[in-house]
């Protein structure tokens, strides 16, 4: 089961995890997002981070990558109909991958 706990509240509407690629955490984060719809998932790779400016602009820093995942446009999923640790089907999950210097808002 994917467990989340309250963090430092830097971004109260986000789930943030580190070592995304290095520890193969993408499936874990998509499940956390489906358990917490409406939140944004931020997956940081090793040697990467985000700088927030103007209240809503996020810019990637470091040599790793930053994954931004949201569920606002999900059209179909079997998430709630399957047992834990089973593969999940999700249609229209949005993923943005930011390299150093790239921004999104």
PDB file of N, CA and C in Angstrom:
ATOM      1  N   UNK A   1       0.832  -1.177   0.000  1.00  0.00           N
ATOM      2  CA  UNK A   1       0.000   0.000   0.000  1.00  0.00           C
ATOM      3  C   UNK A   1       0.883   1.248   0.000  1.00  0.00           C
ATOM      4  N   UNK A   2       0.467   2.248  -0.733  1.00  0.00           N
ATOM      5  CA  UNK A   2       1.191   3.505  -0.781  1.00  0.00           C
ATOM      6  C   UNK A   2       0.773   4.338   0.418  1.00  0.00           C
ATOM      7  N   UNK A   3       1.733   4.690   1.244  1.00  0.00           N
ATOM      8  CA  UNK A   3       1.436   5.499   2.414  1.00  0.00           C
ATOM      9  C   UNK A   3       2.036   6.884   2.224  1.00  0.00           C
ATOM     10  N   UNK A   4       1.260   7.886   2.560  1.00  0.00           N
ATOM     11  CA  UNK A   4       1.761   9.253   2.528  1.00  0.00           C
ATOM     12  C   UNK A   4       1.537   9.872   3.889  1.00  0.00           C
ATOM     13  N   UNK A   5       2.400  10.797   4.238  1.00  0.00           N
ATOM     14  CA  UNK A   5       2.273  11.512   5.484  1.00  0.00           C
ATOM     15  C   UNK A   5       2.472  12.983   5.217  1.00  0.00           C
ATOM     16  N   UNK A   6       1.994  13.800   6.135  1.00  0.00           N
ATOM     17  CA  UNK A   6       2.156  15.230   5.977  1.00  0.00           C
ATOM     18  C   UNK A   6       3.642  15.562   6.011  1.00  0.00           C
ATOM     19  N   UNK A   7       4.037  16.412   5.085  1.00  0.00           N
ATOM     20  CA  UNK A   7       5.434  16.823   5.013  1.00  0.00           C
ATOM     21  C   UNK A   7       5.651  18.168   5.677  1.00  0.00           C
ATOM     22  N   UNK A   8       6.508  18.960   5.069  1.00  0.00           N
ATOM     23  CA  UNK A   8       6.876  20.252   5.639  1.00  0.00           C
ATOM     24  C   UNK A   8       5.942  21.382   5.222  1.00  0.00           C
ATOM     25  N   UNK A   9       4.950  21.073   4.406  1.00  0.00           N
ATOM     26  CA  UNK A   9       3.930  22.038   3.967  1.00  0.00           C
ATOM     27  C   UNK A   9       4.479  23.180   3.129  1.00  0.00           C
ATOM     28  N   UNK A  10       5.571  22.939   2.395  1.00  0.00           N
ATOM     29  CA  UNK A  10       6.053  23.950   1.455  1.00  0.00           C
ATOM     30  C   UNK A  10       5.040  24.152   0.338  1.00  0.00           C
ATOM     31  N   UNK A  11       4.526  23.051  -0.166  1.00  0.00           N
ATOM     32  CA  UNK A  11       3.486  23.077  -1.196  1.00  0.00           C
ATOM     33  C   UNK A  11       2.351  22.195  -0.685  1.00  0.00           C
ATOM     34  N   UNK A  12       1.362  22.796  -0.075  1.00  0.00           N
ATOM     35  CA  UNK A  12       0.309  22.025   0.584  1.00  0.00           C
ATOM     36  C   UNK A  12      -0.569  21.246  -0.392  1.00  0.00           C
ATOM     37  N   UNK A  13      -0.550  21.614  -1.670  1.00  0.00           N
ATOM     38  CA  UNK A  13      -1.372  20.917  -2.656  1.00  0.00           C
ATOM     39  C   UNK A  13      -0.543  19.968  -3.520  1.00  0.00           C
ATOM     40  N   UNK A  14       0.559  19.458  -2.948  1.00  0.00           N
ATOM     41  CA  UNK A  14       1.447  18.582  -3.721  1.00  0.00           C
ATOM     42  C   UNK A  14       1.940  17.418  -2.878  1.00  0.00           C
ATOM     43  N   UNK A  15       2.230  16.330  -3.576  1.00  0.00           N
ATOM     44  CA  UNK A  15       2.941  15.188  -3.003  1.00  0.00           C
ATOM     45  C   UNK A  15       4.324  15.226  -3.637  1.00  0.00           C
ATOM     46  N   UNK A  16       5.356  15.244  -2.825  1.00  0.00           N
ATOM     47  CA  UNK A  16       6.726  15.351  -3.333  1.00  0.00           C
ATOM     48  C   UNK A  16       7.498  14.109  -2.914  1.00  0.00           C
ATOM     49  N   UNK A  17       8.219  13.532  -3.854  1.00  0.00           N
ATOM     50  CA  UNK A  17       9.052  12.364  -3.562  1.00  0.00           C
ATOM     51  C   UNK A  17      10.390  12.532  -4.275  1.00  0.00           C
ATOM     52  N   UNK A  18      11.400  11.916  -3.724  1.00  0.00           N
ATOM     53  CA  UNK A  18      12.752  12.033  -4.279  1.00  0.00           C
ATOM     54  C   UNK A  18      13.203  10.710  -4.891  1.00  0.00           C
ATOM     55  N   UNK A  19      14.298  10.762  -5.609  1.00  0.00           N
ATOM     56  CA  UNK A  19      14.908   9.575  -6.233  1.00  0.00           C
ATOM     57  C   UNK A  19      13.920   8.842  -7.138  1.00  0.00           C
ATOM     58  N   UNK A  20      13.148   9.589  -7.897  1.00  0.00           N
ATOM     59  CA  UNK A  20      12.068   9.012  -8.705  1.00  0.00           C
ATOM     60  C   UNK A  20      12.564   7.936  -9.664  1.00  0.00           C
ATOM     61  N   UNK A  21      13.481   8.271 -10.532  1.00  0.00           N
ATOM     62  CA  UNK A  21      13.979   7.280 -11.510  1.00  0.00           C
ATOM     63  C   UNK A  21      14.882   6.258 -10.857  1.00  0.00           C
ATOM     64  N   UNK A  22      15.738   6.686  -9.975  1.00  0.00           N
ATOM     65  CA  UNK A  22      16.730   5.800  -9.379  1.00  0.00           C
ATOM     66  C   UNK A  22      16.099   4.679  -8.559  1.00  0.00           C
ATOM     67  N   UNK A  23      14.944   4.933  -7.983  1.00  0.00           N
ATOM     68  CA  UNK A  23      14.274   3.930  -7.157  1.00  0.00           C
ATOM     69  C   UNK A  23      12.945   3.477  -7.752  1.00  0.00           C
ATOM     70  N   UNK A  24      12.757   3.767  -9.020  1.00  0.00           N
ATOM     71  CA  UNK A  24      11.553   3.328  -9.758  1.00  0.00           C
ATOM     72  C   UNK A  24      10.266   3.653  -9.017  1.00  0.00           C
ATOM     73  N   UNK A  25      10.102   4.904  -8.647  1.00  0.00           N
ATOM     74  CA  UNK A  25       8.953   5.318  -7.843  1.00  0.00           C
ATOM     75  C   UNK A  25       7.778   5.863  -8.646  1.00  0.00           C
ATOM     76  N   UNK A  26       7.868   5.838  -9.959  1.00  0.00           N
ATOM     77  CA  UNK A  26       6.760   6.369 -10.763  1.00  0.00           C
ATOM     78  C   UNK A  26       5.445   5.648 -10.460  1.00  0.00           C
ATOM     79  N   UNK A  27       5.397   4.306 -10.451  1.00  0.00           N
ATOM     80  CA  UNK A  27       4.123   3.632 -10.130  1.00  0.00           C
ATOM     81  C   UNK A  27       3.609   4.001  -8.743  1.00  0.00           C
ATOM     82  N   UNK A  28       4.494   4.102  -7.791  1.00  0.00           N
ATOM     83  CA  UNK A  28       4.107   4.455  -6.422  1.00  0.00           C
ATOM     84  C   UNK A  28       3.464   5.844  -6.385  1.00  0.00           C
ATOM     85  N   UNK A  29       4.046   6.782  -7.119  1.00  0.00           N
ATOM     86  CA  UNK A  29       3.510   8.139  -7.114  1.00  0.00           C
ATOM     87  C   UNK A  29       2.186   8.245  -7.858  1.00  0.00           C
ATOM     88  N   UNK A  30       2.011   7.480  -8.921  1.00  0.00           N
ATOM     89  CA  UNK A  30       0.717   7.532  -9.619  1.00  0.00           C
ATOM     90  C   UNK A  30      -0.385   6.958  -8.720  1.00  0.00           C
ATOM     91  N   UNK A  31      -0.068   5.941  -7.940  1.00  0.00           N
ATOM     92  CA  UNK A  31      -1.067   5.402  -7.006  1.00  0.00           C
ATOM     93  C   UNK A  31      -1.362   6.398  -5.892  1.00  0.00           C
ATOM     94  N   UNK A  32      -0.341   7.085  -5.393  1.00  0.00           N
ATOM     95  CA  UNK A  32      -0.560   8.107  -4.366  1.00  0.00           C
ATOM     96  C   UNK A  32      -1.439   9.220  -4.911  1.00  0.00           C
ATOM     97  N   UNK A  33      -1.236   9.573  -6.159  1.00  0.00           N
ATOM     98  CA  UNK A  33      -2.040  10.616  -6.786  1.00  0.00           C
ATOM     99  C   UNK A  33      -3.500  10.180  -6.922  1.00  0.00           C
ATOM    100  N   UNK A  34      -3.721   8.931  -7.281  1.00  0.00           N
ATOM    101  CA  UNK A  34      -5.092   8.453  -7.417  1.00  0.00           C
ATOM    102  C   UNK A  34      -5.790   8.342  -6.059  1.00  0.00           C
ATOM    103  N   UNK A  35      -5.034   8.131  -5.007  1.00  0.00           N
ATOM    104  CA  UNK A  35      -5.611   8.121  -3.662  1.00  0.00           C
ATOM    105  C   UNK A  35      -5.910   9.542  -3.171  1.00  0.00           C
ATOM    106  N   UNK A  36      -5.246  10.515  -3.772  1.00  0.00           N
ATOM    107  CA  UNK A  36      -5.383  11.911  -3.365  1.00  0.00           C
ATOM    108  C   UNK A  36      -5.662  12.783  -4.580  1.00  0.00           C
ATOM    109  N   UNK A  37      -6.820  12.604  -5.221  1.00  0.00           N
ATOM    110  CA  UNK A  37      -7.108  13.358  -6.438  1.00  0.00           C
ATOM    111  C   UNK A  37      -7.106  14.862  -6.175  1.00  0.00           C
ATOM    112  N   UNK A  38      -6.688  15.599  -7.172  1.00  0.00           N
ATOM    113  CA  UNK A  38      -6.628  17.042  -7.053  1.00  0.00           C
ATOM    114  C   UNK A  38      -5.276  17.564  -6.631  1.00  0.00           C
ATOM    115  N   UNK A  39      -4.422  16.685  -6.099  1.00  0.00           N
ATOM    116  CA  UNK A  39      -3.076  17.110  -5.734  1.00  0.00           C
ATOM    117  C   UNK A  39      -2.145  16.968  -6.938  1.00  0.00           C
ATOM    118  N   UNK A  40      -1.055  17.669  -6.904  1.00  0.00           N
ATOM    119  CA  UNK A  40      -0.010  17.568  -7.909  1.00  0.00           C
ATOM    120  C   UNK A  40       1.090  16.692  -7.343  1.00  0.00           C
ATOM    121  N   UNK A  41       1.630  15.793  -8.152  1.00  0.00           N
ATOM    122  CA  UNK A  41       2.762  14.974  -7.721  1.00  0.00           C
ATOM    123  C   UNK A  41       4.028  15.532  -8.351  1.00  0.00           C
ATOM    124  N   UNK A  42       5.042  15.710  -7.523  1.00  0.00           N
ATOM    125  CA  UNK A  42       6.347  16.173  -7.987  1.00  0.00           C
ATOM    126  C   UNK A  42       7.360  15.092  -7.639  1.00  0.00           C
ATOM    127  N   UNK A  43       7.954  14.513  -8.661  1.00  0.00           N
ATOM    128  CA  UNK A  43       8.978  13.492  -8.469  1.00  0.00           C
ATOM    129  C   UNK A  43      10.336  14.070  -8.835  1.00  0.00           C
ATOM    130  N   UNK A  44      11.220  14.119  -7.863  1.00  0.00           N
ATOM    131  CA  UNK A  44      12.559  14.669  -8.079  1.00  0.00           C
ATOM    132  C   UNK A  44      13.554  13.537  -8.290  1.00  0.00           C
ATOM    133  N   UNK A  45      14.325  13.636  -9.352  1.00  0.00           N
ATOM    134  CA  UNK A  45      15.414  12.688  -9.558  1.00  0.00           C
ATOM    135  C   UNK A  45      16.620  13.150  -8.749  1.00  0.00           C
ATOM    136  N   UNK A  46      17.601  12.272  -8.587  1.00  0.00           N
ATOM    137  CA  UNK A  46      18.806  12.626  -7.860  1.00  0.00           C
ATOM    138  C   UNK A  46      19.441  13.855  -8.486  1.00  0.00           C
ATOM    139  N   UNK A  47      19.966  14.749  -7.659  1.00  0.00           N
ATOM    140  CA  UNK A  47      20.628  15.979  -8.080  1.00  0.00           C
ATOM    141  C   UNK A  47      19.684  16.898  -8.845  1.00  0.00           C
ATOM    142  N   UNK A  48      18.456  17.013  -8.357  1.00  0.00           N
ATOM    143  CA  UNK A  48      17.506  17.922  -8.986  1.00  0.00           C
ATOM    144  C   UNK A  48      16.643  18.576  -7.921  1.00  0.00           C
ATOM    145  N   UNK A  49      16.007  19.664  -8.297  1.00  0.00           N
ATOM    146  CA  UNK A  49      15.130  20.373  -7.385  1.00  0.00           C
ATOM    147  C   UNK A  49      14.251  21.337  -8.148  1.00  0.00           C
ATOM    148  N   UNK A  50      13.440  22.071  -7.417  1.00  0.00           N
ATOM    149  CA  UNK A  50      12.543  23.057  -8.011  1.00  0.00           C
ATOM    150  C   UNK A  50      12.724  24.386  -7.303  1.00  0.00           C
ATOM    151  N   UNK A  51      12.614  25.453  -8.068  1.00  0.00           N
ATOM    152  CA  UNK A  51      12.593  26.800  -7.515  1.00  0.00           C
ATOM    153  C   UNK A  51      11.237  27.392  -7.853  1.00  0.00           C
ATOM    154  N   UNK A  52      10.534  27.887  -6.831  1.00  0.00           N
ATOM    155  CA  UNK A  52       9.235  28.501  -7.067  1.00  0.00           C
ATOM    156  C   UNK A  52       9.404  30.011  -7.075  1.00  0.00           C
ATOM    157  N   UNK A  53       8.786  30.648  -8.069  1.00  0.00           N
ATOM    158  CA  UNK A  53       8.800  32.108  -8.130  1.00  0.00           C
ATOM    159  C   UNK A  53       7.425  32.605  -8.534  1.00  0.00           C
ATOM    160  N   UNK A  54       7.130  33.822  -8.225  1.00  0.00           N
ATOM    161  CA  UNK A  54       5.867  34.465  -8.571  1.00  0.00           C
ATOM    162  C   UNK A  54       4.663  33.679  -8.053  1.00  0.00           C
ATOM    163  N   UNK A  55       4.862  32.871  -7.047  1.00  0.00           N
ATOM    164  CA  UNK A  55       3.767  32.144  -6.416  1.00  0.00           C
ATOM    165  C   UNK A  55       3.298  30.880  -7.100  1.00  0.00           C
ATOM    166  N   UNK A  56       3.575  30.739  -8.417  1.00  0.00           N
ATOM    167  CA  UNK A  56       3.077  29.539  -9.096  1.00  0.00           C
ATOM    168  C   UNK A  56       3.958  29.056 -10.243  1.00  0.00           C
ATOM    169  N   UNK A  57       5.109  29.641 -10.454  1.00  0.00           N
ATOM    170  CA  UNK A  57       6.008  29.201 -11.521  1.00  0.00           C
ATOM    171  C   UNK A  57       7.081  28.312 -10.904  1.00  0.00           C
ATOM    172  N   UNK A  58       7.197  27.088 -11.415  1.00  0.00           N
ATOM    173  CA  UNK A  58       8.180  26.128 -10.926  1.00  0.00           C
ATOM    174  C   UNK A  58       9.255  25.927 -11.987  1.00  0.00           C
ATOM    175  N   UNK A  59      10.532  26.076 -11.585  1.00  0.00           N
ATOM    176  CA  UNK A  59      11.649  25.916 -12.520  1.00  0.00           C
ATOM    177  C   UNK A  59      12.572  24.822 -12.003  1.00  0.00           C
ATOM    178  N   UNK A  60      12.923  23.890 -12.888  1.00  0.00           N
ATOM    179  CA  UNK A  60      13.794  22.774 -12.521  1.00  0.00           C
ATOM    180  C   UNK A  60      15.246  23.238 -12.435  1.00  0.00           C
ATOM    181  N   UNK A  61      15.959  22.717 -11.442  1.00  0.00           N
ATOM    182  CA  UNK A  61      17.394  22.961 -11.309  1.00  0.00           C
ATOM    183  C   UNK A  61      18.094  21.625 -11.110  1.00  0.00           C
ATOM    184  N   UNK A  62      19.395  21.598 -11.385  1.00  0.00           N
ATOM    185  CA  UNK A  62      20.196  20.399 -11.185  1.00  0.00           C
ATOM    186  C   UNK A  62      20.278  19.551 -12.436  1.00  0.00           C
ATOM    187  N   UNK A  63      21.104  18.515 -12.362  1.00  0.00           N
ATOM    188  CA  UNK A  63      21.358  17.678 -13.542  1.00  0.00           C
ATOM    189  C   UNK A  63      20.362  16.537 -13.715  1.00  0.00           C
ATOM    190  N   UNK A  64      19.548  16.274 -12.685  1.00  0.00           N
ATOM    191  CA  UNK A  64      18.533  15.224 -12.803  1.00  0.00           C
ATOM    192  C   UNK A  64      17.319  15.775 -13.524  1.00  0.00           C
ATOM    193  N   UNK A  65      16.195  15.192 -13.317  1.00  0.00           N
ATOM    194  CA  UNK A  65      14.956  15.667 -13.929  1.00  0.00           C
ATOM    195  C   UNK A  65      13.884  15.831 -12.876  1.00  0.00           C
ATOM    196  N   UNK A  66      12.830  16.533 -13.246  1.00  0.00           N
ATOM    197  CA  UNK A  66      11.696  16.728 -12.364  1.00  0.00           C
ATOM    198  C   UNK A  66      10.444  16.279 -13.112  1.00  0.00           C
ATOM    199  N   UNK A  67       9.675  15.408 -12.511  1.00  0.00           N
ATOM    200  CA  UNK A  67       8.434  14.917 -13.093  1.00  0.00           C
ATOM    201  C   UNK A  67       7.270  15.583 -12.377  1.00  0.00           C
ATOM    202  N   UNK A  68       6.361  16.158 -13.149  1.00  0.00           N
ATOM    203  CA  UNK A  68       5.156  16.771 -12.616  1.00  0.00           C
ATOM    204  C   UNK A  68       3.986  15.930 -13.127  1.00  0.00           C
ATOM    205  N   UNK A  69       3.215  15.354 -12.223  1.00  0.00           N
ATOM    206  CA  UNK A  69       2.139  14.438 -12.600  1.00  0.00           C
ATOM    207  C   UNK A  69       0.838  14.944 -12.000  1.00  0.00           C
ATOM    208  N   UNK A  70      -0.207  15.034 -12.834  1.00  0.00           N
ATOM    209  CA  UNK A  70      -1.510  15.413 -12.276  1.00  0.00           C
ATOM    210  C   UNK A  70      -2.618  14.552 -12.868  1.00  0.00           C
ATOM    211  N   UNK A  71      -3.713  14.506 -12.128  1.00  0.00           N
ATOM    212  CA  UNK A  71      -4.832  13.628 -12.495  1.00  0.00           C
ATOM    213  C   UNK A  71      -6.061  14.399 -12.949  1.00  0.00           C
ATOM    214  N   UNK A  72      -5.915  15.690 -13.193  1.00  0.00           N
ATOM    215  CA  UNK A  72      -7.081  16.514 -13.536  1.00  0.00           C
ATOM    216  C   UNK A  72      -7.832  16.025 -14.774  1.00  0.00           C
ATOM    217  N   UNK A  73      -7.132  15.391 -15.703  1.00  0.00           N
ATOM    218  CA  UNK A  73      -7.761  14.991 -16.966  1.00  0.00           C
ATOM    219  C   UNK A  73      -7.955  13.483 -17.110  1.00  0.00           C
ATOM    220  N   UNK A  74      -7.841  12.723 -16.024  1.00  0.00           N
ATOM    221  CA  UNK A  74      -8.030  11.276 -16.111  1.00  0.00           C
ATOM    222  C   UNK A  74      -9.439  10.979 -16.608  1.00  0.00           C
ATOM    223  N   UNK A  75      -9.504  10.129 -17.631  1.00  0.00           N
ATOM    224  CA  UNK A  75     -10.801   9.760 -18.206  1.00  0.00           C
ATOM    225  C   UNK A  75     -11.280   8.409 -17.708  1.00  0.00           C
ATOM    226  N   UNK A  76     -10.335   7.514 -17.443  1.00  0.00           N
ATOM    227  CA  UNK A  76     -10.723   6.164 -17.060  1.00  0.00           C
ATOM    228  C   UNK A  76      -9.604   5.538 -16.251  1.00  0.00           C
ATOM    229  N   UNK A  77      -9.965   4.787 -15.229  1.00  0.00           N
ATOM    230  CA  UNK A  77      -8.988   4.060 -14.421  1.00  0.00           C
ATOM    231  C   UNK A  77      -9.683   2.884 -13.746  1.00  0.00           C
ATOM    232  N   UNK A  78      -8.914   1.845 -13.459  1.00  0.00           N
ATOM    233  CA  UNK A  78      -9.435   0.708 -12.704  1.00  0.00           C
ATOM    234  C   UNK A  78      -8.863   0.704 -11.300  1.00  0.00           C
ATOM    235  N   UNK A  79      -8.298   1.830 -10.878  1.00  0.00           N
ATOM    236  CA  UNK A  79      -7.590   1.919  -9.601  1.00  0.00           C
ATOM    237  C   UNK A  79      -8.401   1.400  -8.425  1.00  0.00           C
ATOM    238  N   UNK A  80      -9.640   1.816  -8.304  1.00  0.00           N
ATOM    239  CA  UNK A  80     -10.450   1.448  -7.130  1.00  0.00           C
ATOM    240  C   UNK A  80     -11.061   0.056  -7.223  1.00  0.00           C
ATOM    241  N   UNK A  81     -10.874  -0.631  -8.351  1.00  0.00           N
ATOM    242  CA  UNK A  81     -11.496  -1.945  -8.534  1.00  0.00           C
ATOM    243  C   UNK A  81     -10.513  -3.108  -8.422  1.00  0.00           C
ATOM    244  N   UNK A  82      -9.254  -2.827  -8.119  1.00  0.00           N
ATOM    245  CA  UNK A  82      -8.261  -3.902  -8.087  1.00  0.00           C
ATOM    246  C   UNK A  82      -7.597  -3.998  -6.716  1.00  0.00           C
ATOM    247  N   UNK A  83      -7.058  -5.173  -6.382  1.00  0.00           N
ATOM    248  CA  UNK A  83      -6.345  -5.326  -5.108  1.00  0.00           C
ATOM    249  C   UNK A  83      -5.017  -4.558  -5.121  1.00  0.00           C
ATOM    250  N   UNK A  84      -4.497  -4.310  -3.920  1.00  0.00           N
ATOM    251  CA  UNK A  84      -3.191  -3.664  -3.791  1.00  0.00           C
ATOM    252  C   UNK A  84      -2.119  -4.457  -4.547  1.00  0.00           C
ATOM    253  N   UNK A  85      -1.118  -3.750  -4.996  1.00  0.00           N
ATOM    254  CA  UNK A  85       0.056  -4.307  -5.674  1.00  0.00           C
ATOM    255  C   UNK A  85      -0.247  -4.902  -7.040  1.00  0.00           C
ATOM    256  N   UNK A  86      -1.410  -4.606  -7.594  1.00  0.00           N
ATOM    257  CA  UNK A  86      -1.743  -5.029  -8.945  1.00  0.00           C
ATOM    258  C   UNK A  86      -1.446  -3.874  -9.898  1.00  0.00           C
ATOM    259  N   UNK A  87      -1.218  -4.190 -11.151  1.00  0.00           N
ATOM    260  CA  UNK A  87      -1.012  -3.152 -12.154  1.00  0.00           C
ATOM    261  C   UNK A  87      -2.282  -2.337 -12.326  1.00  0.00           C
ATOM    262  N   UNK A  88      -2.109  -1.045 -12.576  1.00  0.00           N
ATOM    263  CA  UNK A  88      -3.240  -0.128 -12.672  1.00  0.00           C
ATOM    264  C   UNK A  88      -3.325   0.447 -14.075  1.00  0.00           C
ATOM    265  N   UNK A  89      -4.524   0.490 -14.609  1.00  0.00           N
ATOM    266  CA  UNK A  89      -4.781   1.135 -15.885  1.00  0.00           C
ATOM    267  C   UNK A  89      -5.262   2.553 -15.611  1.00  0.00           C
ATOM    268  N   UNK A  90      -4.637   3.541 -16.255  1.00  0.00           N
ATOM    269  CA  UNK A  90      -5.038   4.940 -16.125  1.00  0.00           C
ATOM    270  C   UNK A  90      -4.992   5.558 -17.513  1.00  0.00           C
ATOM    271  N   UNK A  91      -6.084   6.191 -17.908  1.00  0.00           N
ATOM    272  CA  UNK A  91      -6.154   6.851 -19.205  1.00  0.00           C
ATOM    273  C   UNK A  91      -6.087   8.367 -19.015  1.00  0.00           C
ATOM    274  N   UNK A  92      -5.185   8.996 -19.742  1.00  0.00           N
ATOM    275  CA  UNK A  92      -5.067  10.453 -19.798  1.00  0.00           C
ATOM    276  C   UNK A  92      -4.412  11.075 -18.563  1.00  0.00           C
ATOM    277  N   UNK A  93      -3.536  10.343 -17.922  1.00  0.00           N
ATOM    278  CA  UNK A  93      -2.730  10.898 -16.839  1.00  0.00           C
ATOM    279  C   UNK A  93      -1.723  11.849 -17.469  1.00  0.00           C
ATOM    280  N   UNK A  94      -1.599  13.055 -16.947  1.00  0.00           N
ATOM    281  CA  UNK A  94      -0.687  14.033 -17.548  1.00  0.00           C
ATOM    282  C   UNK A  94       0.640  14.037 -16.801  1.00  0.00           C
ATOM    283  N   UNK A  95       1.730  13.930 -17.575  1.00  0.00           N
ATOM    284  CA  UNK A  95       3.081  13.940 -17.027  1.00  0.00           C
ATOM    285  C   UNK A  95       3.904  14.975 -17.776  1.00  0.00           C
ATOM    286  N   UNK A  96       4.517  15.893 -17.037  1.00  0.00           N
ATOM    287  CA  UNK A  96       5.469  16.839 -17.608  1.00  0.00           C
ATOM    288  C   UNK A  96       6.836  16.500 -17.040  1.00  0.00           C
ATOM    289  N   UNK A  97       7.833  16.418 -17.894  1.00  0.00           N
ATOM    290  CA  UNK A  97       9.193  16.131 -17.459  1.00  0.00           C
ATOM    291  C   UNK A  97      10.029  17.371 -17.731  1.00  0.00           C
ATOM    292  N   UNK A  98      10.577  17.927 -16.674  1.00  0.00           N
ATOM    293  CA  UNK A  98      11.355  19.152 -16.781  1.00  0.00           C
ATOM    294  C   UNK A  98      12.847  18.865 -16.623  1.00  0.00           C
ATOM    295  N   UNK A  99      13.638  19.383 -17.545  1.00  0.00           N
ATOM    296  CA  UNK A  99      15.097  19.336 -17.438  1.00  0.00           C
ATOM    297  C   UNK A  99      15.558  20.670 -16.851  1.00  0.00           C
ATOM    298  N   UNK A 100      16.819  20.758 -16.530  1.00  0.00           N
ATOM    299  CA  UNK A 100      17.357  21.962 -15.913  1.00  0.00           C
ATOM    300  C   UNK A 100      16.969  23.222 -16.684  1.00  0.00           C
ATOM    301  N   UNK A 101      16.433  24.196 -15.965  1.00  0.00           N
ATOM    302  CA  UNK A 101      16.047  25.466 -16.573  1.00  0.00           C
ATOM    303  C   UNK A 101      14.620  25.517 -17.094  1.00  0.00           C
ATOM    304  N   UNK A 102      13.976  24.371 -17.304  1.00  0.00           N
ATOM    305  CA  UNK A 102      12.596  24.355 -17.814  1.00  0.00           C
ATOM    306  C   UNK A 102      11.627  24.777 -16.712  1.00  0.00           C
ATOM    307  N   UNK A 103      10.557  25.445 -17.116  1.00  0.00           N
ATOM    308  CA  UNK A 103       9.555  25.926 -16.167  1.00  0.00           C
ATOM    309  C   UNK A 103       8.163  25.449 -16.532  1.00  0.00           C
ATOM    310  N   UNK A 104       7.292  25.429 -15.542  1.00  0.00           N
ATOM    311  CA  UNK A 104       5.875  25.200 -15.772  1.00  0.00           C
ATOM    312  C   UNK A 104       5.095  25.910 -14.693  1.00  0.00           C
ATOM    313  N   UNK A 105       3.823  26.129 -14.952  1.00  0.00           N
ATOM    314  CA  UNK A 105       2.957  26.773 -13.965  1.00  0.00           C
ATOM    315  C   UNK A 105       1.554  26.280 -14.107  1.00  0.00           C
TER     316      UNK A 105
END
